[in-house]
Amino acid sequence: MLANMIPRNQIQSNHGFGGQAKNNDTLAPQILIACWLVEGLSAIFLVLRIFCKLIRSRRLWYDDYILIAAWLFQTGNVVLVTVNVTLGEGQHVYNVDPAHLPTLGLNGNISGTLSILAACLSKTSFGVTLLRLTQTRPFVRISVWFLIISMNVALGLSAVFIWAQCNPPAKNWNPDIEGTCWPPTFTSKYGIFSGSYSAFADFALSIIPWPMIWKLHMLTKEKIGVGIAVSMGVLSGIAAIAKTVQLRFLSSGDFTYYESEVVIWGTVETGVAIIAASIPFLRVLIVEAKSSLTRNQRELTPEKYYPARDHPAGSRKFVPTSDNVEIE
């Protein structure tokens, strides 16, 4: 992907490509705001997920550890993206100091690899959760296993191609080095394929739980609520589609500018996947909070829940106060 950037001797100091006037647009602020906002929100939901398990004295399982690993990879990605922004990420390549281009390219390869691994693990975590819930449904388990394995292969190859597309590999982030690279159309088309398949996996994993939920013995509105909670991965799939659409611009050579949208949507894809995988576990916290609120209301307004009988004159009755229940 980054092997398509233009050689430094073709970057003009006062003009862009083809003699066009420079464009000083920058997406750097959008990159930083979007990436760190999503990173922070995903951290909050992940911590709440773990907290909900611990307060119920439940040990962490494989899906939890996989999701934690996904968040750590995502954090590494966001940190490297932040470093790249200080070097010119988000600006047009002809506005970037040519001395920074090799570092930008290498950091971009590393952050891209971390981003792919984070996306892969975040979706795998939810798949592992489904495997735990479908132990008595062999056909569903086979479908989930197929999605997990095929998605890991598709995205894993994308991570490998980042480093394997040039010989020597260093030419991938420094086009001035002598060597050869694969045709840009190959990596671009495969990136579109793997991104599309990643989105498909999100949609499929979000749909699979619905038949099981609908058979549960609970109110219809509760079934719908649980179904929506476990289907939030659809939003990750939408982000994957948005990222995939932007991949076609990377072959232009102006990689420092056009990969900004890819970086943003890639971060959103993983962040939303982490949030979506955590939301179903937060239902316990919501139920506990609702139950606690109801108990407090009953203590403060007992006559609302336990209507008092008529009392003879001068008899004693309980009257709620701001602190406790006092006798009048």
Foldseek 3Di string as FASTA:
>chain_A
DLLLADAPVQQDQQDHPPRHGFDFFFCLVVLLVLLVVLLVVLVVLLVLLVVLCVVVVHDDDPLNVLLVLLSVLSVLLSVLVNVLVVQPFRGFPSVGDSVCQLVNQVSVLSSVLSLLSSLLSLLVSLLVVVCVVCVVPVVLNVVSVVLNVVLCVLSVVLNVCLQPQWVVSSSSRHVVDDTDGDPPVVSLVSLLVSLLSSLVSLQVSLPSCLVVLVPDPDDPVVSVVLSVLLNLSNVLSVLSNQLSVLSVCCSVNRNSNSCSSNSSSSSNSSSSSSSSSSRSSCVSVVVVVVVVVVVVVCFQCVCVVVPDDDDPPPDWDWHGDPPGIDID
